Protein backbone atom coordinates (compact mmCIF):
# COMPACT_ATOMS: atom_id res chain seq x y z
CA MET A 1 98.17 107.26 115.38
CA GLU A 2 99.50 104.46 117.54
CA SER A 3 102.52 104.98 119.74
CA THR A 4 105.62 102.88 119.17
CA ILE A 5 106.33 100.35 121.92
CA PHE A 6 109.81 99.43 120.64
CA SER A 7 111.90 99.38 117.47
CA VAL A 8 113.56 96.61 115.47
CA PHE A 9 116.48 97.72 113.30
CA GLY A 10 115.09 101.24 113.38
CA LEU A 11 111.59 100.16 112.35
CA PRO A 12 108.81 101.13 114.77
CA VAL A 13 106.68 98.33 116.23
CA THR A 14 103.22 99.20 117.52
CA ALA A 15 100.98 97.14 119.79
CA TYR A 16 98.65 96.40 116.87
CA ALA A 17 101.48 95.20 114.66
CA LEU A 18 102.85 93.01 117.44
CA CYS A 19 99.43 91.44 118.00
CA LEU A 20 99.12 90.73 114.27
CA VAL A 21 102.48 88.94 114.31
CA ILE A 22 101.31 86.86 117.27
CA SER A 23 98.07 86.06 115.42
CA LEU A 24 99.99 84.90 112.35
CA GLY A 25 102.35 82.86 114.52
CA ALA A 26 99.44 81.11 116.24
CA GLY A 27 97.81 80.38 112.89
CA LEU A 28 101.02 78.98 111.41
CA LEU A 29 101.64 76.81 114.47
CA CYS A 30 98.10 75.42 114.21
CA PHE A 31 98.60 74.80 110.48
CA PHE A 32 101.83 72.87 110.99
CA LEU A 33 100.36 70.77 113.82
CA ASP A 34 97.20 69.95 111.87
CA GLY A 35 99.13 69.40 108.65
CA ARG A 36 101.45 66.83 110.21
CA LYS A 37 98.47 64.99 111.70
CA LYS A 38 96.88 64.86 108.26
CA GLY A 39 100.03 63.37 106.77
CA PHE A 40 101.44 66.29 104.80
CA SER A 41 105.18 66.33 104.28
CA ALA A 42 107.29 69.03 105.90
CA ASP A 43 108.19 70.35 102.43
CA ALA A 44 104.52 70.81 101.48
CA LEU A 45 103.78 72.60 104.74
CA TRP A 46 106.79 74.90 104.54
CA ARG A 47 106.14 75.76 100.90
CA THR A 48 102.55 76.64 101.71
CA ALA A 49 103.55 78.76 104.70
CA LEU A 50 106.37 80.61 102.93
CA LEU A 51 104.17 81.35 99.93
CA SER A 52 101.11 82.30 102.01
CA LEU A 53 102.80 85.11 103.92
CA PRO A 54 103.90 87.28 100.97
CA MET A 55 100.96 86.35 98.72
CA GLY A 56 98.47 87.02 101.51
CA LEU A 57 100.10 90.41 102.09
CA VAL A 58 100.05 91.30 98.40
CA GLY A 59 96.47 90.08 98.03
CA ALA A 60 95.33 92.15 101.01
CA ARG A 61 97.02 95.25 99.60
CA LEU A 62 95.63 94.79 96.08
CA PHE A 63 92.11 94.23 97.40
CA HIS A 64 92.39 97.44 99.42
CA PHE A 65 93.62 99.20 96.30
CA ILE A 66 90.61 97.99 94.31
CA GLY A 67 88.18 98.84 97.09
CA ASN A 68 89.70 102.30 97.65
CA PHE A 69 90.83 103.18 94.14
CA PHE A 70 90.00 106.90 94.28
CA TYR A 71 92.08 107.33 97.43
CA TYR A 72 95.15 105.94 95.68
CA GLU A 73 94.37 108.02 92.60
CA GLU A 74 94.37 111.14 94.75
CA MET A 75 97.44 110.22 96.81
CA GLY A 76 99.39 108.86 93.85
CA PHE A 77 99.63 105.24 92.80
CA ASP A 78 103.08 105.00 94.34
CA ALA A 79 101.21 104.91 97.69
CA LEU A 80 100.36 101.31 96.78
CA LEU A 81 103.98 100.40 97.48
CA ARG A 82 104.15 102.18 100.84
CA LEU A 83 103.04 99.18 102.85
CA TRP A 84 104.10 100.81 106.12
CA ASP A 85 101.30 103.35 105.72
CA GLY A 86 98.71 100.63 106.22
CA GLY A 87 95.74 99.75 104.06
CA PHE A 88 94.95 96.03 103.82
CA ALA A 89 91.74 94.08 103.28
CA LEU A 90 91.04 90.65 104.74
CA TRP A 91 89.32 89.18 101.70
CA GLY A 92 92.39 89.90 99.61
CA ALA A 93 94.52 88.03 102.15
CA VAL A 94 92.16 85.03 101.94
CA ALA A 95 92.45 85.03 98.16
CA GLY A 96 96.24 85.31 98.33
CA VAL A 97 96.56 82.40 100.76
CA ALA A 98 94.22 80.27 98.63
CA LEU A 99 96.39 80.96 95.57
CA ALA A 100 99.50 80.09 97.59
CA ALA A 101 97.92 76.76 98.56
CA LEU A 102 97.15 76.06 94.92
CA ILE A 103 100.75 76.70 93.88
CA ALA A 104 102.22 74.80 96.83
CA GLY A 105 99.89 71.85 96.26
CA LYS A 106 100.84 71.55 92.60
CA TRP A 107 104.50 72.05 93.45
CA SER A 108 104.47 69.38 96.16
CA ARG A 109 102.09 67.10 94.22
CA VAL A 110 99.56 66.88 97.02
CA SER A 111 95.79 67.39 97.00
CA VAL A 112 95.08 71.10 96.80
CA ALA A 113 91.61 70.54 98.31
CA SER A 114 93.12 68.77 101.33
CA LEU A 115 95.73 71.49 101.69
CA LEU A 116 93.02 74.15 101.70
CA ASP A 117 91.18 72.13 104.35
CA ALA A 118 94.30 72.16 106.51
CA LEU A 119 94.44 75.95 106.19
CA ALA A 120 90.79 76.57 107.08
CA ALA A 121 90.84 76.29 110.89
CA PRO A 122 94.23 78.06 111.23
CA ALA A 123 92.87 80.87 109.03
CA ALA A 124 89.81 81.25 111.28
CA LEU A 125 92.09 81.27 114.34
CA THR A 126 94.32 83.93 112.81
CA ILE A 127 91.36 86.09 111.85
CA GLY A 128 89.86 85.78 115.33
CA LEU A 129 93.05 86.86 117.08
CA ALA A 130 93.67 89.61 114.54
CA ARG A 131 90.19 91.00 115.18
CA PHE A 132 90.95 91.27 118.90
CA ALA A 133 94.08 93.21 117.95
CA GLU A 134 91.87 95.97 116.52
CA TYR A 135 91.51 97.18 120.09
CA PHE A 136 94.85 98.94 119.52
CA SER A 137 94.09 100.26 116.04
CA GLY A 138 90.80 101.99 116.74
CA GLU A 139 89.06 99.96 114.03
CA GLY A 140 86.19 97.52 114.44
CA ILE A 141 83.91 99.93 116.29
CA GLY A 142 80.14 100.04 115.94
CA PRO A 143 77.33 102.50 116.68
CA TYR A 144 77.18 104.63 119.80
CA VAL A 145 76.19 102.84 122.99
CA GLU A 146 73.04 104.33 124.46
CA THR A 147 72.64 102.03 127.48
CA GLU A 148 74.90 102.89 130.39
CA PHE A 149 75.30 99.26 131.49
CA PHE A 150 77.13 98.41 128.25
CA CYS A 151 79.49 101.39 128.48
CA ARG A 152 82.40 99.17 129.44
CA PHE A 153 84.80 96.77 127.80
CA PRO A 154 84.35 94.18 126.25
CA PHE A 155 80.92 95.39 125.18
CA ALA A 156 82.20 98.77 124.06
CA VAL A 157 85.32 100.89 123.76
CA TYR A 158 85.74 104.49 124.83
CA ARG A 159 86.84 107.07 122.27
CA PRO A 160 88.40 109.96 124.19
CA ASP A 161 88.60 112.17 121.11
CA TYR A 162 84.79 112.18 120.85
CA GLU A 163 84.07 111.33 124.50
CA VAL A 164 81.68 108.55 123.52
CA TRP A 165 81.38 104.77 123.85
CA ASN A 166 81.08 102.65 120.69
CA TRP A 167 80.10 99.03 120.47
CA ALA A 168 83.18 96.79 120.21
CA VAL A 169 82.27 95.00 116.98
CA PHE A 170 85.83 93.64 116.72
CA VAL A 171 85.23 91.57 119.88
CA LEU A 172 82.12 90.01 118.36
CA GLU A 173 83.96 89.34 115.10
CA GLY A 174 86.87 87.77 116.97
CA ILE A 175 84.62 85.48 119.00
CA THR A 176 82.70 84.50 115.85
CA ALA A 177 85.91 83.57 114.00
CA LEU A 178 87.13 81.47 116.95
CA ILE A 179 83.80 79.64 117.08
CA ILE A 180 84.15 78.92 113.37
CA ALA A 181 87.64 77.53 114.01
CA VAL A 182 86.22 75.15 116.66
CA ILE A 183 83.43 74.03 114.32
CA LEU A 184 85.90 73.31 111.53
CA LYS A 185 87.98 71.07 113.80
CA ARG A 186 85.07 69.07 115.19
CA LYS A 187 85.01 66.28 112.62
CA LYS A 188 86.64 64.94 109.49
CA ARG A 189 85.01 65.84 106.20
CA PRO A 190 85.47 64.93 102.54
CA ALA A 191 88.32 66.71 100.77
CA GLY A 192 87.53 70.35 100.14
CA ASP A 193 84.47 70.53 102.37
CA THR A 194 86.22 72.08 105.38
CA ALA A 195 87.52 74.94 103.24
CA ARG A 196 84.07 75.44 101.71
CA LEU A 197 82.47 75.42 105.14
CA PHE A 198 84.93 78.03 106.38
CA LEU A 199 84.12 80.34 103.47
CA LEU A 200 80.39 79.79 103.90
CA LEU A 201 80.29 80.37 107.67
CA TYR A 202 82.59 83.37 107.61
CA SER A 203 80.77 84.98 104.67
CA ALA A 204 77.31 84.49 106.17
CA CYS A 205 78.40 86.00 109.49
CA GLN A 206 80.24 88.88 107.83
CA ILE A 207 77.11 90.07 106.03
CA THR A 208 75.75 91.31 109.35
CA LEU A 209 78.99 91.98 111.22
CA GLU A 210 80.33 94.24 108.47
CA SER A 211 77.14 96.29 108.60
CA LEU A 212 77.74 96.98 112.30
CA ARG A 213 81.07 98.70 111.64
CA ARG A 214 81.41 102.46 111.84
CA ASP A 215 85.10 102.64 110.96
CA HIS A 216 87.14 103.08 107.79
CA CYS A 217 85.55 100.09 106.07
CA LEU A 218 85.84 99.97 102.29
CA ARG A 219 82.86 101.31 100.35
CA TRP A 220 81.85 101.67 96.74
CA LEU A 221 79.45 104.61 97.06
CA PHE A 222 76.98 103.25 99.67
CA VAL A 223 77.92 99.57 99.17
CA ARG A 224 80.17 97.96 101.76
CA VAL A 225 82.83 96.03 99.84
CA SER A 226 83.24 93.27 102.42
CA GLN A 227 79.49 92.66 102.55
CA LEU A 228 79.28 92.43 98.78
CA THR A 229 82.31 90.14 98.63
CA ALA A 230 80.80 87.84 101.25
CA LEU A 231 77.63 87.47 99.19
CA ILE A 232 79.64 86.88 96.00
CA VAL A 233 81.64 84.14 97.75
CA ILE A 234 78.43 82.41 98.87
CA LEU A 235 76.94 82.62 95.39
CA GLY A 236 80.19 81.28 93.94
CA LEU A 237 80.10 78.29 96.29
CA MET A 238 76.49 77.60 95.33
CA LEU A 239 77.26 77.88 91.62
CA PHE A 240 80.23 75.53 92.03
CA ALA A 241 77.93 73.00 93.73
CA VAL A 242 75.42 73.26 90.89
CA VAL A 243 78.12 72.62 88.30
CA ARG A 244 79.40 69.58 90.21
CA ARG A 245 75.90 68.16 90.47
CA LEU A 246 75.34 68.60 86.76
CA ARG A 247 78.54 66.66 86.14
CA SER A 248 77.61 63.88 88.59
CA ARG A 249 75.35 60.93 88.06
CA GLN A 250 72.85 62.19 90.61
CA GLY A 251 72.18 65.29 88.58
CA LEU A 252 70.37 68.41 89.77
CA LYS A 253 66.87 68.84 91.16
CA PRO A 254 65.75 71.97 89.28
CA LYS A 255 62.87 72.88 91.61
CA SER A 256 64.92 72.47 94.78
CA ALA A 257 67.85 74.42 93.33
CA ALA A 258 65.55 77.19 92.11
CA LEU A 259 63.97 77.50 95.56
CA CYS A 260 67.42 77.76 97.16
CA TRP A 261 68.51 80.52 94.80
CA LEU A 262 65.20 82.32 95.24
CA ALA A 263 65.51 82.19 99.02
CA VAL A 264 69.03 83.64 98.89
CA ALA A 265 67.83 86.38 96.52
CA VAL A 266 64.93 87.31 98.82
CA CYS A 267 67.13 87.38 101.93
CA SER A 268 69.74 89.46 100.10
CA GLY A 269 67.05 91.90 99.02
CA ILE A 270 65.88 92.28 102.61
CA VAL A 271 69.47 92.96 103.72
CA VAL A 272 69.75 95.70 101.09
CA ALA A 273 66.44 97.20 102.25
CA ILE A 274 67.65 97.22 105.86
CA GLU A 275 70.84 99.00 104.79
CA PHE A 276 68.71 101.67 103.11
CA SER A 277 66.64 101.98 106.29
CA PHE A 278 69.82 102.70 108.28
CA ASP A 279 70.48 105.60 105.88
CA GLY A 280 66.96 106.91 106.47
CA LYS A 281 65.87 106.39 102.86
CA ILE A 282 63.11 103.86 103.63
CA LEU A 283 61.46 102.37 106.74
CA ARG A 284 62.51 105.36 108.82
CA ASP A 285 60.47 104.24 111.82
CA LEU A 286 62.24 100.86 112.04
CA PRO A 287 64.38 100.72 115.22
CA VAL A 288 68.06 100.07 114.59
CA TRP A 289 68.08 97.02 116.86
CA ALA A 290 65.14 95.55 114.94
CA GLY A 291 66.93 96.17 111.65
CA TYR A 292 70.02 94.33 112.79
CA LEU A 293 67.91 91.48 114.17
CA ILE A 294 66.18 91.09 110.80
CA MET A 295 69.53 91.29 109.02
CA ALA A 296 71.02 88.62 111.29
CA CYS A 297 68.04 86.34 110.57
CA CYS A 298 68.49 86.91 106.83
CA SER A 299 72.23 86.16 107.11
CA PHE A 300 71.40 82.93 108.91
CA GLY A 301 68.83 82.11 106.24
CA ILE A 302 71.34 82.72 103.45
CA GLY A 303 73.90 80.53 105.20
CA ARG A 304 71.44 77.73 105.93
CA VAL A 305 69.99 77.60 102.43
CA ALA A 306 73.44 77.84 100.87
CA TYR A 307 74.63 75.00 103.11
CA ALA A 308 71.79 72.82 101.82
CA GLN A 309 72.77 73.65 98.26
CA ILE A 310 76.52 73.22 98.74
CA PHE A 311 76.75 70.15 100.98
CA GLN A 312 73.36 68.46 100.75
CA LYS A 313 70.55 67.91 98.37
CA ALA A 314 67.16 69.35 99.22
CA GLU A 315 64.03 67.47 98.22
CA PHE A 316 60.71 68.78 99.54
CA GLY A 317 62.33 70.05 102.72
CA VAL A 318 64.15 66.78 103.54
CA TYR A 319 67.93 66.99 103.48
CA THR A 320 70.25 64.07 102.96
CA ASN A 321 74.02 63.93 102.90
CA GLU A 322 75.78 64.03 99.59
CA LYS A 323 79.32 63.22 100.72
CA SER A 324 80.29 61.06 97.78
CA LEU A 325 79.86 64.02 95.45
CA TYR A 326 82.77 65.86 97.06
CA ASN A 327 85.35 63.10 97.28
CA ASP A 328 88.34 64.38 95.32
């Protein structure tokens, strides 16, 4: 349990909670600055922000409830309302903010796709800073560190209760999210593409990063919920791209699309096999570092192939831009 650093109206404030507030504040500031540059009215920005905070919170809580249903069944479903006890999931927050943008966009009569684009980089910034905050919560830790050189922060964190060093996965996740934020701000893209790119990059990275965690991550039996959600998001983006191509004049190249889906399926299958190897069920002689290297390569492959399917058209290995298809 974290110690309280101060109280506000009798409510305890921990270091982790304070860092989360700072992360949200930085993300909101970035959103307002970017939104004004992109020509959004103050009303549209404020409506999006004021809706995103509660809907993101509710979404995060509901996703945690779904991913940890048996815990709430045992503790009593009234535990769902005890927000101060903790229990939130990032993917639920992303879904809640996206829904808030949809409502705010329709309410303010602005492009929902453009509004989601404006939220993408601030969301990556918020996630990155929030990951660093896990230093205070004890979450975001990885396997034991076996090399003495890496037994120091920021490579690892010391757990006095077990007297061991664990890899600081939260640092790697935070850096990754900040890099994604920089990538998203590098250039202007057609409406909706920045939001799609955020989801694609974050999902592809999370397939491997989630596997590194040895904390209270959500699981359905042996399946990591965040990993599965990341893959579902990527498949959803690919399916959306297929539907849009079918509705466009350019149509769909069946062979190229089939190869993309096959490649994603093969890479996903390898990731599943690696997960089983970590449990000692298959490939028991495979070193852990080699397993994660293979998984990282597969995650990159999934992201690269999905990118070709979502943003470009593939024809015998030659990729060309398809920007006009995504102009809203």
